[in-house]
Amino acid sequence: MEEKSTMVRFDVSINSQGKIYLPIEIRQTLNAKHLEIIPDAKAIVVFPKGTAFRDVIRSLEIVRLDLEHRAELQPSGRKYFTRFPDKTCGTQI
C-alpha cells in the first residue's frame, strides 16, 4: 500500500509581470484579501495580515512535520500523492 502525504502541494509559477496565481483552495483557506509574506532564502511564509505570530508558528509546525514525512519518503523511491491546480494526481515529487 502506498503512503499518502496528508498535505496538498500546489505547483504555481510567476508570470512575466511577477504575479503568482493562488489557487482557489488556498484563497478559501486563507480567507483574506490582504496577506503578509516573510521570505527566506529557500521558502516563504504567507498568512492573512494580522494573524498572531504564535498561530503562524503552530501552522508552520504542521507543515514542518509534513515536509519531514515527505523527505523520508523521497529517498526510498516510494510515491506519494499530491494535487496540483490542474487536478493531476499521483505525481511523484
Protein backbone atom coordinates (compact mmCIF):
# COMPACT_ATOMS: atom_id res chain seq x y z
CA MET A 1 0.00 0.00 0.00
CA GLU A 2 1.39 3.40 -0.96
CA GLU A 3 1.64 6.10 1.68
CA LYS A 4 -0.06 9.40 1.03
CA SER A 5 1.03 12.76 2.32
CA THR A 6 -1.56 14.50 4.46
CA MET A 7 -0.98 17.92 2.90
CA VAL A 8 -1.62 19.22 -0.58
CA ARG A 9 1.18 20.66 -2.67
CA PHE A 10 0.44 23.20 -5.39
CA ASP A 11 2.65 23.87 -8.38
CA VAL A 12 2.46 27.59 -9.19
CA SER A 13 4.57 29.84 -11.38
CA ILE A 14 5.41 33.52 -11.57
CA ASN A 15 4.19 35.24 -14.74
CA SER A 16 6.15 37.82 -16.74
CA GLN A 17 4.64 40.62 -14.63
CA GLY A 18 5.92 38.97 -11.45
CA LYS A 19 2.48 37.83 -10.29
CA ILE A 20 1.54 34.48 -8.81
CA TYR A 21 -1.91 32.93 -9.20
CA LEU A 22 -3.08 31.50 -5.89
CA PRO A 23 -5.37 28.51 -6.45
CA ILE A 24 -8.93 28.81 -5.13
CA GLU A 25 -8.21 26.24 -2.40
CA ILE A 26 -5.50 28.50 -0.95
CA ARG A 27 -7.63 31.65 -1.20
CA GLN A 28 -10.52 29.89 0.51
CA THR A 29 -8.29 28.53 3.26
CA LEU A 30 -6.65 31.89 3.99
CA ASN A 31 -9.97 33.74 3.62
CA ALA A 32 -8.24 37.13 3.43
CA LYS A 33 -7.75 39.89 0.87
CA HIS A 34 -4.55 41.14 2.49
CA LEU A 35 -1.62 38.84 3.15
CA GLU A 36 1.73 39.10 4.86
CA ILE A 37 4.79 37.35 3.43
CA ILE A 38 8.01 36.55 5.24
CA PRO A 39 10.73 35.35 2.84
CA ASP A 40 13.83 33.28 3.46
CA ALA A 41 16.48 32.04 1.02
CA LYS A 42 14.53 28.88 0.08
CA ALA A 43 10.95 29.42 1.22
CA ILE A 44 8.29 31.96 2.05
CA VAL A 45 5.55 32.06 4.65
CA VAL A 46 2.22 33.51 3.54
CA PHE A 47 -0.52 34.24 6.05
CA PRO A 48 -3.52 36.57 6.47
CA LYS A 49 -2.48 40.05 7.57
CA GLY A 50 -2.84 40.48 11.31
CA THR A 51 -2.56 36.77 12.16
CA ALA A 52 -0.86 36.24 15.51
CA PHE A 53 2.69 35.00 15.03
CA ARG A 54 2.01 32.20 17.54
CA ASP A 55 -0.77 30.92 15.23
CA VAL A 56 1.58 31.10 12.23
CA ILE A 57 4.21 29.14 14.17
CA ARG A 58 1.66 26.44 15.05
CA SER A 59 0.68 26.16 11.42
CA LEU A 60 4.32 26.02 10.33
CA GLU A 61 4.92 23.16 12.76
CA ILE A 62 2.29 21.12 10.92
CA VAL A 63 3.92 21.96 7.59
CA ARG A 64 7.36 21.08 9.00
CA LEU A 65 6.16 17.66 10.11
CA ASP A 66 4.67 17.03 6.68
CA LEU A 67 7.91 18.07 4.97
CA GLU A 68 9.87 15.69 7.19
CA HIS A 69 7.48 12.90 6.23
CA ARG A 70 7.91 13.72 2.53
CA ALA A 71 11.70 13.82 2.93
CA GLU A 72 11.61 10.36 4.48
CA LEU A 73 9.60 9.02 1.54
CA GLN A 74 11.62 10.70 -1.21
CA PRO A 75 14.94 8.78 -0.97
CA SER A 76 13.19 5.41 -0.93
CA GLY A 77 11.64 5.96 -4.33
CA ARG A 78 8.14 5.38 -2.97
CA LYS A 79 5.46 7.58 -4.43
CA TYR A 80 3.24 9.86 -2.50
CA PHE A 81 0.42 11.81 -3.99
CA THR A 82 -0.16 15.49 -4.44
CA ARG A 83 -2.86 17.51 -6.10
CA PHE A 84 -1.91 20.38 -8.34
CA PRO A 85 -4.31 23.06 -9.62
CA ASP A 86 -4.79 21.05 -12.83
CA LYS A 87 -6.11 18.15 -10.69
CA THR A 88 -3.15 15.89 -11.57
CA CYS A 89 -2.82 13.10 -9.03
CA GLY A 90 -0.17 10.53 -8.38
CA THR A 91 2.74 12.78 -9.21
CA GLN A 92 5.98 11.67 -7.62
CA ILE A 93 7.90 14.61 -6.26
